[in-house]
Amino acid sequence: MAQKKSGGCSKNGRDSNAKRLGVKVFGGQIVKSGYILVRKRGSKYHPGLNVLKGKDDTLFSTSKGFVKYNYLKRHKKLFVSVLESQ
């Protein structure tokens, strides 16, 4: 007797939600304490002065001031700092 398998059970068709990573505040902009500066995965950006790294690698400010991005050639790293305004 001929039989046909039942349809269904597709193994494809899943997609994850976008995580909205990237730079949130650019150089020269003024931020308050607790502002998220960069959402990221890994270590492209490193915390500098008045910036801390959260458990999901997010960089956030710890004081009020303006944002500065600087690349240190000897370390080959891009640092994010918050410099307190006068």
PDB file of N, CA and C in Angstrom:
ATOM      1  N   MET A   1       0.845  -1.170   0.000  1.00  0.00           N
ATOM      2  CA  MET A   1       0.000   0.000   0.000  1.00  0.00           C
ATOM      3  C   MET A   1       0.896   1.242   0.000  1.00  0.00           C
ATOM      4  N   ALA A   2       0.661   2.160  -0.905  1.00  0.00           N
ATOM      5  CA  ALA A   2       1.468   3.370  -0.989  1.00  0.00           C
ATOM      6  C   ALA A   2       1.132   4.309   0.166  1.00  0.00           C
ATOM      7  N   GLN A   3       2.184   4.901   0.732  1.00  0.00           N
ATOM      8  CA  GLN A   3       1.967   5.841   1.850  1.00  0.00           C
ATOM      9  C   GLN A   3       2.681   7.150   1.551  1.00  0.00           C
ATOM     10  N   LYS A   4       2.137   8.241   2.078  1.00  0.00           N
ATOM     11  CA  LYS A   4       2.751   9.574   1.948  1.00  0.00           C
ATOM     12  C   LYS A   4       3.005  10.098   3.343  1.00  0.00           C
ATOM     13  N   LYS A   5       4.257  10.558   3.591  1.00  0.00           N
ATOM     14  CA  LYS A   5       4.555  11.133   4.911  1.00  0.00           C
ATOM     15  C   LYS A   5       3.758  12.412   5.096  1.00  0.00           C
ATOM     16  N   SER A   6       3.414  12.664   6.323  1.00  0.00           N
ATOM     17  CA  SER A   6       2.673  13.901   6.602  1.00  0.00           C
ATOM     18  C   SER A   6       3.602  15.106   6.488  1.00  0.00           C
ATOM     19  N   GLY A   7       3.074  16.234   6.064  1.00  0.00           N
ATOM     20  CA  GLY A   7       3.867  17.455   5.931  1.00  0.00           C
ATOM     21  C   GLY A   7       4.139  18.084   7.290  1.00  0.00           C
ATOM     22  N   GLY A   8       4.989  19.092   7.282  1.00  0.00           N
ATOM     23  CA  GLY A   8       5.262  19.817   8.519  1.00  0.00           C
ATOM     24  C   GLY A   8       6.696  19.627   8.980  1.00  0.00           C
ATOM     25  N   CYS A   9       6.992  20.202  10.101  1.00  0.00           N
ATOM     26  CA  CYS A   9       8.302  20.101  10.754  1.00  0.00           C
ATOM     27  C   CYS A   9       9.406  20.678   9.869  1.00  0.00           C
ATOM     28  N   SER A  10       9.278  21.911   9.516  1.00  0.00           N
ATOM     29  CA  SER A  10      10.329  22.585   8.757  1.00  0.00           C
ATOM     30  C   SER A  10      11.475  22.934   9.696  1.00  0.00           C
ATOM     31  N   LYS A  11      12.706  22.662   9.283  1.00  0.00           N
ATOM     32  CA  LYS A  11      13.850  22.924  10.160  1.00  0.00           C
ATOM     33  C   LYS A  11      14.379  24.340   9.997  1.00  0.00           C
ATOM     34  N   ASN A  12      13.980  25.023   8.951  1.00  0.00           N
ATOM     35  CA  ASN A  12      14.412  26.400   8.759  1.00  0.00           C
ATOM     36  C   ASN A  12      13.321  27.349   9.267  1.00  0.00           C
ATOM     37  N   GLY A  13      13.512  28.642   9.023  1.00  0.00           N
ATOM     38  CA  GLY A  13      12.450  29.587   9.335  1.00  0.00           C
ATOM     39  C   GLY A  13      12.616  30.312  10.655  1.00  0.00           C
ATOM     40  N   ARG A  14      13.745  30.116  11.339  1.00  0.00           N
ATOM     41  CA  ARG A  14      13.969  30.842  12.595  1.00  0.00           C
ATOM     42  C   ARG A  14      14.949  31.972  12.340  1.00  0.00           C
ATOM     43  N   ASP A  15      14.746  33.083  13.001  1.00  0.00           N
ATOM     44  CA  ASP A  15      15.657  34.213  12.872  1.00  0.00           C
ATOM     45  C   ASP A  15      15.654  34.962  14.190  1.00  0.00           C
ATOM     46  N   SER A  16      16.822  35.390  14.629  1.00  0.00           N
ATOM     47  CA  SER A  16      16.909  36.084  15.914  1.00  0.00           C
ATOM     48  C   SER A  16      16.568  37.558  15.744  1.00  0.00           C
ATOM     49  N   ASN A  17      16.146  38.172  16.821  1.00  0.00           N
ATOM     50  CA  ASN A  17      15.851  39.599  16.815  1.00  0.00           C
ATOM     51  C   ASN A  17      17.142  40.401  16.739  1.00  0.00           C
ATOM     52  N   ALA A  18      17.086  41.571  16.118  1.00  0.00           N
ATOM     53  CA  ALA A  18      18.246  42.448  16.048  1.00  0.00           C
ATOM     54  C   ALA A  18      18.591  42.936  17.448  1.00  0.00           C
ATOM     55  N   LYS A  19      19.884  43.047  17.754  1.00  0.00           N
ATOM     56  CA  LYS A  19      20.327  43.415  19.099  1.00  0.00           C
ATOM     57  C   LYS A  19      20.621  44.903  19.257  1.00  0.00           C
ATOM     58  N   ARG A  20      20.537  45.672  18.195  1.00  0.00           N
ATOM     59  CA  ARG A  20      20.740  47.132  18.218  1.00  0.00           C
ATOM     60  C   ARG A  20      22.102  47.511  18.811  1.00  0.00           C
ATOM     61  N   LEU A  21      23.146  46.870  18.318  1.00  0.00           N
ATOM     62  CA  LEU A  21      24.494  47.155  18.792  1.00  0.00           C
ATOM     63  C   LEU A  21      25.054  48.359  18.050  1.00  0.00           C
ATOM     64  N   GLY A  22      26.145  48.917  18.586  1.00  0.00           N
ATOM     65  CA  GLY A  22      26.838  50.002  17.909  1.00  0.00           C
ATOM     66  C   GLY A  22      27.054  51.199  18.806  1.00  0.00           C
ATOM     67  N   VAL A  23      27.600  52.245  18.206  1.00  0.00           N
ATOM     68  CA  VAL A  23      27.897  53.486  18.923  1.00  0.00           C
ATOM     69  C   VAL A  23      26.601  54.253  19.108  1.00  0.00           C
ATOM     70  N   LYS A  24      26.304  54.655  20.341  1.00  0.00           N
ATOM     71  CA  LYS A  24      25.073  55.387  20.645  1.00  0.00           C
ATOM     72  C   LYS A  24      25.337  56.884  20.815  1.00  0.00           C
ATOM     73  N   VAL A  25      26.537  57.245  21.277  1.00  0.00           N
ATOM     74  CA  VAL A  25      26.890  58.649  21.470  1.00  0.00           C
ATOM     75  C   VAL A  25      28.224  58.880  20.777  1.00  0.00           C
ATOM     76  N   PHE A  26      28.301  59.934  19.975  1.00  0.00           N
ATOM     77  CA  PHE A  26      29.498  60.204  19.199  1.00  0.00           C
ATOM     78  C   PHE A  26      30.387  61.230  19.896  1.00  0.00           C
ATOM     79  N   GLY A  27      31.606  61.362  19.408  1.00  0.00           N
ATOM     80  CA  GLY A  27      32.582  62.266  20.004  1.00  0.00           C
ATOM     81  C   GLY A  27      32.104  63.705  20.013  1.00  0.00           C
ATOM     82  N   GLY A  28      32.337  64.390  21.135  1.00  0.00           N
ATOM     83  CA  GLY A  28      31.950  65.788  21.278  1.00  0.00           C
ATOM     84  C   GLY A  28      30.583  65.995  21.880  1.00  0.00           C
ATOM     85  N   GLN A  29      29.760  64.960  21.946  1.00  0.00           N
ATOM     86  CA  GLN A  29      28.427  65.108  22.530  1.00  0.00           C
ATOM     87  C   GLN A  29      28.518  65.083  24.053  1.00  0.00           C
ATOM     88  N   ILE A  30      27.617  65.819  24.698  1.00  0.00           N
ATOM     89  CA  ILE A  30      27.592  65.899  26.163  1.00  0.00           C
ATOM     90  C   ILE A  30      26.687  64.802  26.708  1.00  0.00           C
ATOM     91  N   VAL A  31      27.158  64.108  27.748  1.00  0.00           N
ATOM     92  CA  VAL A  31      26.397  63.024  28.361  1.00  0.00           C
ATOM     93  C   VAL A  31      26.320  63.234  29.870  1.00  0.00           C
ATOM     94  N   LYS A  32      25.351  62.590  30.484  1.00  0.00           N
ATOM     95  CA  LYS A  32      25.229  62.565  31.941  1.00  0.00           C
ATOM     96  C   LYS A  32      25.747  61.222  32.445  1.00  0.00           C
ATOM     97  N   SER A  33      25.832  61.091  33.734  1.00  0.00           N
ATOM     98  CA  SER A  33      26.275  59.845  34.340  1.00  0.00           C
ATOM     99  C   SER A  33      25.269  58.733  34.046  1.00  0.00           C
ATOM    100  N   GLY A  34      25.756  57.578  33.614  1.00  0.00           N
ATOM    101  CA  GLY A  34      24.896  56.441  33.334  1.00  0.00           C
ATOM    102  C   GLY A  34      24.478  56.307  31.884  1.00  0.00           C
ATOM    103  N   TYR A  35      24.804  57.274  31.045  1.00  0.00           N
ATOM    104  CA  TYR A  35      24.450  57.180  29.634  1.00  0.00           C
ATOM    105  C   TYR A  35      25.206  56.027  28.975  1.00  0.00           C
ATOM    106  N   ILE A  36      24.522  55.293  28.093  1.00  0.00           N
ATOM    107  CA  ILE A  36      25.166  54.224  27.329  1.00  0.00           C
ATOM    108  C   ILE A  36      25.883  54.860  26.142  1.00  0.00           C
ATOM    109  N   LEU A  37      27.170  54.562  26.029  1.00  0.00           N
ATOM    110  CA  LEU A  37      27.974  55.134  24.953  1.00  0.00           C
ATOM    111  C   LEU A  37      28.086  54.182  23.770  1.00  0.00           C
ATOM    112  N   VAL A  38      28.393  52.913  24.042  1.00  0.00           N
ATOM    113  CA  VAL A  38      28.561  51.919  22.982  1.00  0.00           C
ATOM    114  C   VAL A  38      27.975  50.596  23.449  1.00  0.00           C
ATOM    115  N   ARG A  39      27.124  50.000  22.621  1.00  0.00           N
ATOM    116  CA  ARG A  39      26.678  48.620  22.867  1.00  0.00           C
ATOM    117  C   ARG A  39      27.445  47.746  21.895  1.00  0.00           C
ATOM    118  N   LYS A  40      28.105  46.711  22.420  1.00  0.00           N
ATOM    119  CA  LYS A  40      28.998  45.941  21.568  1.00  0.00           C
ATOM    120  C   LYS A  40      29.130  44.513  22.054  1.00  0.00           C
ATOM    121  N   ARG A  41      29.779  43.712  21.245  1.00  0.00           N
ATOM    122  CA  ARG A  41      30.214  42.372  21.618  1.00  0.00           C
ATOM    123  C   ARG A  41      31.709  42.332  21.364  1.00  0.00           C
ATOM    124  N   GLY A  42      32.462  41.840  22.301  1.00  0.00           N
ATOM    125  CA  GLY A  42      33.903  41.759  22.106  1.00  0.00           C
ATOM    126  C   GLY A  42      34.615  43.007  22.573  1.00  0.00           C
ATOM    127  N   SER A  43      35.779  43.285  21.979  1.00  0.00           N
ATOM    128  CA  SER A  43      36.644  44.322  22.533  1.00  0.00           C
ATOM    129  C   SER A  43      37.145  45.312  21.489  1.00  0.00           C
ATOM    130  N   LYS A  44      36.271  45.784  20.621  1.00  0.00           N
ATOM    131  CA  LYS A  44      36.705  46.795  19.653  1.00  0.00           C
ATOM    132  C   LYS A  44      36.952  48.128  20.347  1.00  0.00           C
ATOM    133  N   TYR A  45      36.066  48.509  21.260  1.00  0.00           N
ATOM    134  CA  TYR A  45      36.208  49.737  22.027  1.00  0.00           C
ATOM    135  C   TYR A  45      36.564  49.370  23.465  1.00  0.00           C
ATOM    136  N   HIS A  46      37.403  50.186  24.093  1.00  0.00           N
ATOM    137  CA  HIS A  46      37.827  49.922  25.461  1.00  0.00           C
ATOM    138  C   HIS A  46      37.454  51.110  26.344  1.00  0.00           C
ATOM    139  N   PRO A  47      37.127  50.862  27.621  1.00  0.00           N
ATOM    140  CA  PRO A  47      36.770  51.966  28.509  1.00  0.00           C
ATOM    141  C   PRO A  47      37.988  52.813  28.858  1.00  0.00           C
ATOM    142  N   GLY A  48      37.808  54.131  28.784  1.00  0.00           N
ATOM    143  CA  GLY A  48      38.857  55.062  29.152  1.00  0.00           C
ATOM    144  C   GLY A  48      38.490  55.775  30.437  1.00  0.00           C
ATOM    145  N   LEU A  49      38.772  57.059  30.497  1.00  0.00           N
ATOM    146  CA  LEU A  49      38.523  57.874  31.681  1.00  0.00           C
ATOM    147  C   LEU A  49      37.019  58.064  31.894  1.00  0.00           C
ATOM    148  N   ASN A  50      36.547  57.819  33.099  1.00  0.00           N
ATOM    149  CA  ASN A  50      35.142  57.979  33.498  1.00  0.00           C
ATOM    150  C   ASN A  50      34.172  57.105  32.695  1.00  0.00           C
ATOM    151  N   VAL A  51      34.649  55.951  32.245  1.00  0.00           N
ATOM    152  CA  VAL A  51      33.807  55.005  31.513  1.00  0.00           C
ATOM    153  C   VAL A  51      34.030  53.615  32.093  1.00  0.00           C
ATOM    154  N   LEU A  52      32.943  52.868  32.273  1.00  0.00           N
ATOM    155  CA  LEU A  52      33.028  51.494  32.762  1.00  0.00           C
ATOM    156  C   LEU A  52      32.388  50.549  31.751  1.00  0.00           C
ATOM    157  N   LYS A  53      32.711  49.253  31.897  1.00  0.00           N
ATOM    158  CA  LYS A  53      32.182  48.222  31.011  1.00  0.00           C
ATOM    159  C   LYS A  53      31.203  47.356  31.786  1.00  0.00           C
ATOM    160  N   GLY A  54      29.996  47.177  31.240  1.00  0.00           N
ATOM    161  CA  GLY A  54      28.990  46.335  31.859  1.00  0.00           C
ATOM    162  C   GLY A  54      29.234  44.865  31.561  1.00  0.00           C
ATOM    163  N   LYS A  55      28.396  44.004  32.148  1.00  0.00           N
ATOM    164  CA  LYS A  55      28.614  42.559  31.986  1.00  0.00           C
ATOM    165  C   LYS A  55      28.351  42.078  30.558  1.00  0.00           C
ATOM    166  N   ASP A  56      27.585  42.834  29.782  1.00  0.00           N
ATOM    167  CA  ASP A  56      27.362  42.473  28.373  1.00  0.00           C
ATOM    168  C   ASP A  56      28.249  43.293  27.437  1.00  0.00           C
ATOM    169  N   ASP A  57      29.373  43.789  27.950  1.00  0.00           N
ATOM    170  CA  ASP A  57      30.382  44.573  27.210  1.00  0.00           C
ATOM    171  C   ASP A  57      29.927  45.985  26.863  1.00  0.00           C
ATOM    172  N   THR A  58      28.770  46.426  27.357  1.00  0.00           N
ATOM    173  CA  THR A  58      28.303  47.783  27.100  1.00  0.00           C
ATOM    174  C   THR A  58      29.194  48.784  27.818  1.00  0.00           C
ATOM    175  N   LEU A  59      29.563  49.864  27.131  1.00  0.00           N
ATOM    176  CA  LEU A  59      30.334  50.937  27.757  1.00  0.00           C
ATOM    177  C   LEU A  59      29.376  52.051  28.171  1.00  0.00           C
ATOM    178  N   PHE A  60      29.505  52.512  29.430  1.00  0.00           N
ATOM    179  CA  PHE A  60      28.626  53.573  29.913  1.00  0.00           C
ATOM    180  C   PHE A  60      29.427  54.587  30.714  1.00  0.00           C
ATOM    181  N   SER A  61      28.916  55.808  30.787  1.00  0.00           N
ATOM    182  CA  SER A  61      29.630  56.892  31.461  1.00  0.00           C
ATOM    183  C   SER A  61      29.380  56.846  32.961  1.00  0.00           C
ATOM    184  N   THR A  62      30.364  57.302  33.730  1.00  0.00           N
ATOM    185  CA  THR A  62      30.223  57.365  35.183  1.00  0.00           C
ATOM    186  C   THR A  62      30.223  58.802  35.687  1.00  0.00           C
ATOM    187  N   SER A  63      30.335  59.762  34.779  1.00  0.00           N
ATOM    188  CA  SER A  63      30.290  61.165  35.184  1.00  0.00           C
ATOM    189  C   SER A  63      29.748  62.010  34.043  1.00  0.00           C
ATOM    190  N   LYS A  64      29.407  63.239  34.358  1.00  0.00           N
ATOM    191  CA  LYS A  64      28.891  64.177  33.375  1.00  0.00           C
ATOM    192  C   LYS A  64      30.052  64.804  32.608  1.00  0.00           C
ATOM    193  N   GLY A  65      29.885  64.975  31.307  1.00  0.00           N
ATOM    194  CA  GLY A  65      30.936  65.582  30.507  1.00  0.00           C
ATOM    195  C   GLY A  65      30.720  65.322  29.034  1.00  0.00           C
ATOM    196  N   PHE A  66      31.788  65.531  28.236  1.00  0.00           N
ATOM    197  CA  PHE A  66      31.651  65.274  26.803  1.00  0.00           C
ATOM    198  C   PHE A  66      32.515  64.075  26.406  1.00  0.00           C
ATOM    199  N   VAL A  67      32.059  63.395  25.379  1.00  0.00           N
ATOM    200  CA  VAL A  67      32.653  62.129  24.959  1.00  0.00           C
ATOM    201  C   VAL A  67      33.840  62.385  24.050  1.00  0.00           C
ATOM    202  N   LYS A  68      34.885  61.587  24.251  1.00  0.00           N
ATOM    203  CA  LYS A  68      36.055  61.670  23.381  1.00  0.00           C
ATOM    204  C   LYS A  68      36.510  60.261  23.037  1.00  0.00           C
ATOM    205  N   TYR A  69      36.694  60.013  21.731  1.00  0.00           N
ATOM    206  CA  TYR A  69      37.226  58.745  21.244  1.00  0.00           C
ATOM    207  C   TYR A  69      38.674  58.989  20.850  1.00  0.00           C
ATOM    208  N   ASN A  70      39.596  58.169  21.339  1.00  0.00           N
ATOM    209  CA  ASN A  70      40.981  58.317  20.913  1.00  0.00           C
ATOM    210  C   ASN A  70      41.624  56.950  20.705  1.00  0.00           C
ATOM    211  N   TYR A  71      42.472  56.903  19.681  1.00  0.00           N
ATOM    212  CA  TYR A  71      43.165  55.673  19.298  1.00  0.00           C
ATOM    213  C   TYR A  71      44.603  55.780  19.765  1.00  0.00           C
ATOM    214  N   LEU A  72      45.032  54.820  20.588  1.00  0.00           N
ATOM    215  CA  LEU A  72      46.419  54.797  21.034  1.00  0.00           C
ATOM    216  C   LEU A  72      47.186  53.812  20.165  1.00  0.00           C
ATOM    217  N   LYS A  73      48.097  54.362  19.371  1.00  0.00           N
ATOM    218  CA  LYS A  73      48.818  53.559  18.393  1.00  0.00           C
ATOM    219  C   LYS A  73      49.682  52.500  19.068  1.00  0.00           C
ATOM    220  N   ARG A  74      50.273  52.850  20.201  1.00  0.00           N
ATOM    221  CA  ARG A  74      51.182  51.887  20.836  1.00  0.00           C
ATOM    222  C   ARG A  74      50.422  50.691  21.401  1.00  0.00           C
ATOM    223  N   HIS A  75      49.147  50.894  21.794  1.00  0.00           N
ATOM    224  CA  HIS A  75      48.327  49.784  22.288  1.00  0.00           C
ATOM    225  C   HIS A  75      47.456  49.182  21.189  1.00  0.00           C
ATOM    226  N   LYS A  76      47.326  49.892  20.069  1.00  0.00           N
ATOM    227  CA  LYS A  76      46.448  49.487  18.965  1.00  0.00           C
ATOM    228  C   LYS A  76      45.026  49.263  19.458  1.00  0.00           C
ATOM    229  N   LYS A  77      44.531  50.217  20.249  1.00  0.00           N
ATOM    230  CA  LYS A  77      43.188  50.105  20.807  1.00  0.00           C
ATOM    231  C   LYS A  77      42.470  51.442  20.703  1.00  0.00           C
ATOM    232  N   LEU A  78      41.144  51.370  20.578  1.00  0.00           N
ATOM    233  CA  LEU A  78      40.303  52.552  20.523  1.00  0.00           C
ATOM    234  C   LEU A  78      39.638  52.722  21.891  1.00  0.00           C
ATOM    235  N   PHE A  79      39.919  53.825  22.554  1.00  0.00           N
ATOM    236  CA  PHE A  79      39.411  54.084  23.885  1.00  0.00           C
ATOM    237  C   PHE A  79      38.290  55.119  23.837  1.00  0.00           C
ATOM    238  N   VAL A  80      37.305  54.965  24.717  1.00  0.00           N
ATOM    239  CA  VAL A  80      36.205  55.918  24.854  1.00  0.00           C
ATOM    240  C   VAL A  80      36.324  56.537  26.227  1.00  0.00           C
ATOM    241  N   SER A  81      36.374  57.860  26.285  1.00  0.00           N
ATOM    242  CA  SER A  81      36.497  58.579  27.554  1.00  0.00           C
ATOM    243  C   SER A  81      35.415  59.622  27.665  1.00  0.00           C
ATOM    244  N   VAL A  82      35.093  59.993  28.912  1.00  0.00           N
ATOM    245  CA  VAL A  82      34.203  61.118  29.166  1.00  0.00           C
ATOM    246  C   VAL A  82      34.994  62.148  29.936  1.00  0.00           C
ATOM    247  N   LEU A  83      35.227  63.312  29.322  1.00  0.00           N
ATOM    248  CA  LEU A  83      35.996  64.370  29.947  1.00  0.00           C
ATOM    249  C   LEU A  83      35.034  65.368  30.578  1.00  0.00           C
ATOM    250  N   GLU A  84      35.266  65.659  31.849  1.00  0.00           N
ATOM    251  CA  GLU A  84      34.359  66.551  32.561  1.00  0.00           C
ATOM    252  C   GLU A  84      34.465  67.963  32.014  1.00  0.00           C
ATOM    253  N   SER A  85      33.302  68.565  31.763  1.00  0.00           N
ATOM    254  CA  SER A  85      33.272  69.914  31.215  1.00  0.00           C
ATOM    255  C   SER A  85      33.548  70.937  32.302  1.00  0.00           C
ATOM    256  N   GLN A  86      34.138  72.052  31.894  1.00  0.00           N
ATOM    257  CA  GLN A  86      34.508  73.103  32.865  1.00  0.00           C
ATOM    258  C   GLN A  86      33.297  73.926  33.243  1.00  0.00           C
TER     259      GLN A  86
END
